[in-house]
């Protein structure tokens, strides 16, 4: 038998170690980068962070949140009614973001840059603009 015909058989230890390695979810890091939001670690998340393209951040309590999704021809609109503010999110393919908010699974919403928007597939979620309107007390 030649050296090239010999196949190394995995040892029992190797098999055990390989079976205990964390398994990756079907969603890869590349797919996660395409989302303008990140899934919450658990249902215990009570805040939603808004991340603007200039680096500014704000957060809001999810307690009492009401949301409306309006699919548009060119842009979707997601209106979030918080206790002291209204946040209007416009972009493309935002239904999945609305559904994550509905399930309290969104940790943040991130506004993309103009260049990112131009390069993205129109069927991939993209947040073009975020407006915050403070409510009068």
N, C-alpha and C. Protein backbone atom coordinates (compact mmCIF):
# COMPACT_ATOMS: atom_id res chain seq x y z
N UNK A 1 0.84 -1.16 0.00
CA UNK A 1 0.00 0.00 0.00
C UNK A 1 0.89 1.23 0.00
N UNK A 2 0.57 2.19 -0.85
CA UNK A 2 1.37 3.40 -0.95
C UNK A 2 0.94 4.40 0.12
N UNK A 3 1.82 5.38 0.38
CA UNK A 3 1.52 6.40 1.39
C UNK A 3 0.28 7.20 1.02
N UNK A 4 0.06 7.42 -0.26
CA UNK A 4 -1.09 8.23 -0.67
C UNK A 4 -2.41 7.50 -0.46
N UNK A 5 -2.39 6.17 -0.31
CA UNK A 5 -3.61 5.39 -0.10
C UNK A 5 -4.02 5.32 1.37
N UNK A 6 -3.15 5.74 2.25
CA UNK A 6 -3.44 5.66 3.68
C UNK A 6 -4.30 6.86 4.07
N UNK A 7 -5.41 6.59 4.70
CA UNK A 7 -6.30 7.65 5.17
C UNK A 7 -6.27 7.68 6.69
N UNK A 8 -6.16 8.88 7.22
CA UNK A 8 -6.15 9.02 8.67
C UNK A 8 -7.58 8.92 9.18
N UNK A 9 -7.78 8.06 10.17
CA UNK A 9 -9.09 7.91 10.78
C UNK A 9 -9.17 8.80 12.00
N UNK A 10 -10.24 9.53 12.14
CA UNK A 10 -10.35 10.40 13.31
C UNK A 10 -10.43 9.58 14.59
N UNK A 11 -9.74 10.03 15.59
CA UNK A 11 -9.78 9.35 16.88
C UNK A 11 -11.08 9.69 17.59
N UNK A 12 -11.38 8.94 18.61
CA UNK A 12 -12.59 9.17 19.39
C UNK A 12 -12.55 10.57 19.99
N UNK A 13 -11.40 11.00 20.46
CA UNK A 13 -11.26 12.33 21.06
C UNK A 13 -11.59 13.42 20.03
N UNK A 14 -11.05 13.27 18.82
CA UNK A 14 -11.35 14.25 17.77
C UNK A 14 -12.84 14.30 17.45
N UNK A 15 -13.47 13.15 17.41
CA UNK A 15 -14.90 13.10 17.13
C UNK A 15 -15.70 13.82 18.20
N UNK A 16 -15.33 13.60 19.45
CA UNK A 16 -16.04 14.25 20.55
C UNK A 16 -15.82 15.75 20.50
N UNK A 17 -14.59 16.18 20.28
CA UNK A 17 -14.30 17.60 20.22
C UNK A 17 -15.04 18.27 19.08
N UNK A 18 -15.09 17.63 17.94
CA UNK A 18 -15.79 18.22 16.80
C UNK A 18 -17.29 18.29 17.03
N UNK A 19 -17.84 17.33 17.75
CA UNK A 19 -19.28 17.35 17.97
C UNK A 19 -19.68 18.38 19.01
N UNK A 20 -18.75 18.85 19.85
CA UNK A 20 -19.08 19.84 20.87
C UNK A 20 -18.80 21.26 20.42
N UNK A 21 -18.25 21.42 19.23
CA UNK A 21 -18.03 22.77 18.73
C UNK A 21 -19.37 23.44 18.47
N UNK A 22 -19.45 24.77 18.69
CA UNK A 22 -20.73 25.44 18.43
C UNK A 22 -21.14 25.31 16.99
N UNK A 23 -22.39 25.03 16.77
CA UNK A 23 -22.89 24.92 15.40
C UNK A 23 -23.39 26.28 14.96
N UNK A 24 -23.09 26.61 13.74
CA UNK A 24 -23.49 27.90 13.22
C UNK A 24 -24.94 27.86 12.78
N UNK A 25 -25.63 28.96 13.05
CA UNK A 25 -27.01 29.08 12.60
C UNK A 25 -26.98 29.19 11.08
N UNK A 26 -28.09 28.92 10.43
CA UNK A 26 -28.12 29.04 8.97
C UNK A 26 -27.78 30.45 8.51
N UNK A 27 -27.99 31.40 9.39
CA UNK A 27 -27.71 32.79 9.05
C UNK A 27 -26.23 33.06 9.26
N UNK A 28 -25.53 33.44 8.25
CA UNK A 28 -24.11 33.70 8.36
C UNK A 28 -23.84 35.14 8.75
N UNK A 29 -22.60 35.43 9.07
CA UNK A 29 -22.22 36.80 9.41
C UNK A 29 -22.52 37.73 8.24
N UNK A 30 -22.33 37.24 7.04
CA UNK A 30 -22.60 38.07 5.85
C UNK A 30 -24.07 38.45 5.78
N UNK A 31 -24.94 37.50 6.07
CA UNK A 31 -26.38 37.79 6.05
C UNK A 31 -26.75 38.76 7.16
N UNK A 32 -26.11 38.62 8.32
CA UNK A 32 -26.41 39.52 9.43
C UNK A 32 -26.02 40.95 9.09
N UNK A 33 -24.95 41.13 8.33
CA UNK A 33 -24.53 42.47 7.95
C UNK A 33 -25.54 43.14 7.02
N UNK A 34 -26.35 42.36 6.36
CA UNK A 34 -27.32 42.92 5.43
C UNK A 34 -28.53 43.51 6.14
N UNK A 35 -28.71 43.19 7.43
CA UNK A 35 -29.88 43.67 8.15
C UNK A 35 -29.61 45.03 8.78
N UNK A 36 -30.59 45.91 8.77
CA UNK A 36 -30.42 47.20 9.43
C UNK A 36 -30.79 47.11 10.90
N UNK A 37 -30.82 45.91 11.45
CA UNK A 37 -31.15 45.68 12.84
C UNK A 37 -30.47 44.40 13.26
N UNK A 38 -30.42 44.16 14.55
CA UNK A 38 -29.86 42.92 15.05
C UNK A 38 -30.88 42.27 15.95
N UNK A 39 -30.97 40.96 15.90
CA UNK A 39 -31.92 40.25 16.75
C UNK A 39 -31.52 40.40 18.21
N UNK A 40 -32.51 40.52 19.06
CA UNK A 40 -32.26 40.61 20.50
C UNK A 40 -31.78 39.26 21.02
N UNK A 41 -31.03 39.31 22.08
CA UNK A 41 -30.53 38.08 22.68
C UNK A 41 -31.67 37.30 23.34
N UNK A 42 -32.63 38.01 23.87
CA UNK A 42 -33.76 37.35 24.52
C UNK A 42 -34.95 38.30 24.50
N UNK A 43 -36.06 37.82 24.99
CA UNK A 43 -37.25 38.66 25.07
C UNK A 43 -37.15 39.64 26.23
N UNK A 44 -36.06 39.60 26.98
CA UNK A 44 -35.88 40.51 28.11
C UNK A 44 -35.38 41.89 27.68
N UNK A 45 -35.08 42.06 26.42
CA UNK A 45 -34.62 43.36 25.94
C UNK A 45 -35.77 44.35 26.04
N UNK A 46 -35.55 45.47 26.70
CA UNK A 46 -36.63 46.44 26.87
C UNK A 46 -36.31 47.78 26.21
N UNK A 47 -35.19 47.87 25.55
CA UNK A 47 -34.80 49.11 24.87
C UNK A 47 -34.52 48.84 23.40
N UNK A 48 -34.72 49.88 22.62
CA UNK A 48 -34.38 49.84 21.20
C UNK A 48 -33.45 51.01 20.93
N UNK A 49 -32.29 50.72 20.39
CA UNK A 49 -31.32 51.77 20.09
C UNK A 49 -31.46 52.20 18.64
N UNK A 50 -31.42 53.51 18.42
CA UNK A 50 -31.44 54.07 17.07
C UNK A 50 -30.03 54.52 16.77
N UNK A 51 -29.45 54.02 15.69
CA UNK A 51 -28.07 54.35 15.30
C UNK A 51 -28.09 55.10 13.97
N UNK A 52 -27.63 56.34 14.01
CA UNK A 52 -27.59 57.16 12.81
C UNK A 52 -26.28 56.94 12.07
N UNK A 53 -26.29 57.25 10.78
CA UNK A 53 -25.10 57.03 9.95
C UNK A 53 -23.93 57.91 10.38
N UNK A 54 -24.18 59.01 11.09
CA UNK A 54 -23.09 59.88 11.55
C UNK A 54 -22.48 59.42 12.88
N UNK A 55 -22.98 58.31 13.44
CA UNK A 55 -22.46 57.78 14.69
C UNK A 55 -23.29 58.14 15.91
N UNK A 56 -24.24 59.06 15.77
CA UNK A 56 -25.11 59.44 16.87
C UNK A 56 -26.02 58.27 17.22
N UNK A 57 -26.28 58.11 18.52
CA UNK A 57 -27.16 57.04 18.97
C UNK A 57 -28.15 57.55 20.00
N UNK A 58 -29.34 56.98 20.00
CA UNK A 58 -30.37 57.27 21.00
C UNK A 58 -31.07 55.94 21.30
N UNK A 59 -31.60 55.83 22.51
CA UNK A 59 -32.37 54.62 22.78
C UNK A 59 -33.72 54.99 23.37
N UNK A 60 -34.68 54.09 23.17
CA UNK A 60 -36.04 54.26 23.62
C UNK A 60 -36.50 52.98 24.31
N UNK A 61 -37.35 53.15 25.29
CA UNK A 61 -37.94 52.00 25.97
C UNK A 61 -38.99 51.37 25.07
N UNK A 62 -38.99 50.06 24.99
CA UNK A 62 -39.99 49.35 24.19
C UNK A 62 -41.32 49.21 24.91
N UNK A 63 -41.36 49.58 26.19
CA UNK A 63 -42.59 49.48 26.96
C UNK A 63 -43.63 50.44 26.36
N UNK A 64 -44.76 49.90 25.99
CA UNK A 64 -45.83 50.71 25.43
C UNK A 64 -45.65 51.09 23.97
N UNK A 65 -44.67 50.52 23.29
CA UNK A 65 -44.43 50.85 21.88
C UNK A 65 -45.61 50.43 21.01
N UNK A 66 -46.00 51.32 20.12
CA UNK A 66 -46.96 51.01 19.06
C UNK A 66 -46.25 51.27 17.75
N UNK A 67 -46.48 50.42 16.76
CA UNK A 67 -45.79 50.57 15.48
C UNK A 67 -46.76 50.39 14.33
N UNK A 68 -46.47 51.10 13.25
CA UNK A 68 -47.26 50.98 12.01
C UNK A 68 -46.30 50.74 10.86
N UNK A 69 -46.66 49.80 10.00
CA UNK A 69 -45.87 49.52 8.80
C UNK A 69 -46.69 49.90 7.59
N UNK A 70 -46.10 50.72 6.72
CA UNK A 70 -46.78 51.16 5.50
C UNK A 70 -45.89 50.82 4.31
N UNK A 71 -46.22 49.75 3.58
CA UNK A 71 -45.41 49.42 2.41
C UNK A 71 -45.67 50.44 1.30
N UNK A 72 -44.62 50.93 0.71
CA UNK A 72 -44.77 51.90 -0.36
C UNK A 72 -44.27 51.34 -1.67
N UNK A 73 -44.51 52.09 -2.74
CA UNK A 73 -44.04 51.67 -4.06
C UNK A 73 -42.52 51.70 -4.13
N UNK A 74 -41.93 52.80 -3.65
CA UNK A 74 -40.47 52.94 -3.69
C UNK A 74 -39.83 52.75 -2.33
N UNK A 75 -40.52 53.20 -1.27
CA UNK A 75 -39.97 53.12 0.08
C UNK A 75 -41.04 52.65 1.05
N UNK A 76 -40.63 51.84 2.02
CA UNK A 76 -41.51 51.46 3.11
C UNK A 76 -41.36 52.50 4.22
N UNK A 77 -42.41 52.66 5.01
CA UNK A 77 -42.35 53.56 6.16
C UNK A 77 -42.77 52.78 7.40
N UNK A 78 -41.97 52.90 8.42
CA UNK A 78 -42.24 52.28 9.70
C UNK A 78 -42.32 53.40 10.73
N UNK A 79 -43.47 53.57 11.35
CA UNK A 79 -43.66 54.62 12.34
C UNK A 79 -43.75 53.99 13.71
N UNK A 80 -42.87 54.42 14.60
CA UNK A 80 -42.80 53.89 15.96
C UNK A 80 -43.28 54.97 16.93
N UNK A 81 -44.30 54.66 17.69
CA UNK A 81 -44.87 55.60 18.65
C UNK A 81 -44.40 55.21 20.05
N UNK A 82 -43.42 55.95 20.55
CA UNK A 82 -42.92 55.75 21.90
C UNK A 82 -43.64 56.72 22.84
N UNK A 83 -43.41 56.59 24.13
CA UNK A 83 -44.07 57.43 25.12
C UNK A 83 -43.82 58.92 24.88
N UNK A 84 -42.58 59.31 24.58
CA UNK A 84 -42.23 60.72 24.46
C UNK A 84 -41.76 61.14 23.06
N UNK A 85 -41.80 60.22 22.13
CA UNK A 85 -41.33 60.56 20.79
C UNK A 85 -41.97 59.66 19.74
N UNK A 86 -41.94 60.14 18.53
CA UNK A 86 -42.36 59.35 17.37
C UNK A 86 -41.13 59.21 16.48
N UNK A 87 -40.82 57.99 16.08
CA UNK A 87 -39.67 57.73 15.22
C UNK A 87 -40.20 57.22 13.89
N UNK A 88 -39.78 57.89 12.80
CA UNK A 88 -40.21 57.50 11.47
C UNK A 88 -39.00 56.95 10.73
N UNK A 89 -39.11 55.70 10.32
CA UNK A 89 -38.03 55.00 9.63
C UNK A 89 -38.49 54.76 8.19
N UNK A 90 -37.69 55.21 7.23
CA UNK A 90 -38.02 54.94 5.82
C UNK A 90 -36.87 54.16 5.20
N UNK A 91 -37.23 53.29 4.27
CA UNK A 91 -36.22 52.47 3.61
C UNK A 91 -36.87 51.44 2.71
N UNK A 92 -36.12 50.38 2.46
CA UNK A 92 -36.60 49.31 1.58
C UNK A 92 -36.69 48.00 2.35
N UNK A 93 -37.68 47.20 2.01
CA UNK A 93 -37.85 45.85 2.55
C UNK A 93 -37.85 45.84 4.08
N UNK A 94 -38.65 46.74 4.69
CA UNK A 94 -38.65 46.90 6.15
C UNK A 94 -39.66 46.01 6.88
N UNK A 95 -40.37 45.17 6.15
CA UNK A 95 -41.34 44.30 6.80
C UNK A 95 -40.69 43.39 7.83
N UNK A 96 -39.51 42.86 7.52
CA UNK A 96 -38.83 41.97 8.48
C UNK A 96 -38.45 42.73 9.75
N UNK A 97 -38.10 44.00 9.64
CA UNK A 97 -37.81 44.81 10.82
C UNK A 97 -39.08 45.00 11.65
N UNK A 98 -40.18 45.30 11.01
CA UNK A 98 -41.47 45.43 11.70
C UNK A 98 -41.80 44.14 12.46
N UNK A 99 -41.60 43.01 11.81
CA UNK A 99 -41.90 41.72 12.44
C UNK A 99 -40.98 41.45 13.64
N UNK A 100 -39.72 41.86 13.55
CA UNK A 100 -38.80 41.71 14.69
C UNK A 100 -39.25 42.59 15.84
N UNK A 101 -39.70 43.79 15.55
CA UNK A 101 -40.21 44.68 16.60
C UNK A 101 -41.48 44.09 17.23
N UNK A 102 -42.33 43.53 16.42
CA UNK A 102 -43.56 42.90 16.89
C UNK A 102 -43.25 41.78 17.88
N UNK A 103 -42.21 41.02 17.60
CA UNK A 103 -41.80 39.91 18.47
C UNK A 103 -40.83 40.35 19.57
N UNK A 104 -40.56 41.65 19.66
CA UNK A 104 -39.59 42.21 20.60
C UNK A 104 -38.23 41.55 20.45
N UNK A 105 -37.79 41.40 19.21
CA UNK A 105 -36.51 40.76 18.91
C UNK A 105 -35.49 41.72 18.29
N UNK A 106 -35.84 42.96 18.09
CA UNK A 106 -34.90 43.92 17.51
C UNK A 106 -34.17 44.65 18.64
N UNK A 107 -32.85 44.73 18.56
CA UNK A 107 -32.04 45.45 19.55
C UNK A 107 -31.76 46.87 19.10
N UNK A 108 -31.58 47.05 17.79
CA UNK A 108 -31.31 48.39 17.28
C UNK A 108 -31.78 48.51 15.85
N UNK A 109 -31.91 49.78 15.41
CA UNK A 109 -32.18 50.10 14.01
C UNK A 109 -31.04 51.00 13.57
N UNK A 110 -30.41 50.65 12.47
CA UNK A 110 -29.23 51.39 12.01
C UNK A 110 -29.50 52.02 10.65
N UNK A 111 -29.27 53.32 10.58
CA UNK A 111 -29.41 54.04 9.32
C UNK A 111 -28.19 53.76 8.46
N UNK A 112 -28.42 53.43 7.20
CA UNK A 112 -27.32 53.19 6.28
C UNK A 112 -26.85 54.48 5.62
N UNK A 113 -25.73 54.40 4.96
CA UNK A 113 -25.21 55.55 4.22
C UNK A 113 -25.75 55.52 2.80
N UNK A 114 -25.61 56.63 2.10
CA UNK A 114 -26.05 56.71 0.70
C UNK A 114 -25.35 55.65 -0.15
N UNK A 115 -24.05 55.50 0.07
CA UNK A 115 -23.28 54.52 -0.72
C UNK A 115 -23.77 53.10 -0.47
N UNK A 116 -24.09 52.77 0.78
CA UNK A 116 -24.60 51.44 1.10
C UNK A 116 -25.93 51.20 0.39
N UNK A 117 -26.78 52.20 0.39
CA UNK A 117 -28.08 52.07 -0.25
C UNK A 117 -27.98 51.84 -1.74
N UNK A 118 -27.02 52.50 -2.38
CA UNK A 118 -26.84 52.36 -3.82
C UNK A 118 -26.34 50.97 -4.20
N UNK A 119 -25.60 50.33 -3.29
CA UNK A 119 -24.98 49.04 -3.59
C UNK A 119 -25.85 47.84 -3.23
N UNK A 120 -26.85 48.05 -2.42
CA UNK A 120 -27.64 46.94 -1.91
C UNK A 120 -28.73 46.48 -2.87
N UNK A 121 -29.02 45.21 -2.76
CA UNK A 121 -30.13 44.60 -3.49
C UNK A 121 -31.42 45.23 -2.97
N UNK A 122 -32.34 45.63 -3.84
CA UNK A 122 -33.58 46.27 -3.40
C UNK A 122 -34.47 45.38 -2.53
N UNK A 123 -34.23 44.08 -2.53
CA UNK A 123 -35.02 43.15 -1.72
C UNK A 123 -34.41 42.92 -0.33
N UNK A 124 -33.25 43.50 -0.09
CA UNK A 124 -32.58 43.36 1.20
C UNK A 124 -32.93 44.58 2.06
N UNK A 125 -33.27 44.37 3.34
CA UNK A 125 -33.64 45.50 4.19
C UNK A 125 -32.55 46.58 4.23
N UNK A 126 -32.99 47.82 4.12
CA UNK A 126 -32.08 48.96 4.16
C UNK A 126 -32.82 50.16 4.73
N UNK A 127 -32.26 50.78 5.77
CA UNK A 127 -32.85 51.96 6.38
C UNK A 127 -32.18 53.19 5.77
N UNK A 128 -32.96 53.96 5.04
CA UNK A 128 -32.45 55.14 4.36
C UNK A 128 -32.46 56.37 5.27
N UNK A 129 -33.54 56.54 6.02
CA UNK A 129 -33.68 57.74 6.83
C UNK A 129 -34.40 57.42 8.13
N UNK A 130 -33.99 58.12 9.21
CA UNK A 130 -34.65 58.01 10.50
C UNK A 130 -34.92 59.42 11.01
N UNK A 131 -36.16 59.69 11.34
CA UNK A 131 -36.53 61.00 11.90
C UNK A 131 -37.10 60.77 13.29
N UNK A 132 -36.72 61.64 14.22
CA UNK A 132 -37.26 61.58 15.57
C UNK A 132 -38.00 62.88 15.84
N UNK A 133 -39.26 62.75 16.22
CA UNK A 133 -40.10 63.90 16.55
C UNK A 133 -40.51 63.77 18.00
N UNK A 134 -40.06 64.71 18.83
CA UNK A 134 -40.41 64.72 20.25
C UNK A 134 -41.86 65.12 20.43
N UNK A 135 -42.54 64.45 21.35
CA UNK A 135 -43.93 64.77 21.66
C UNK A 135 -43.94 65.85 22.74
N UNK A 136 -44.90 66.74 22.64
CA UNK A 136 -45.08 67.78 23.65
C UNK A 136 -45.70 67.16 24.90
N UNK A 137 -45.22 67.55 26.07
CA UNK A 137 -45.80 67.03 27.33
C UNK A 137 -47.08 67.73 27.68
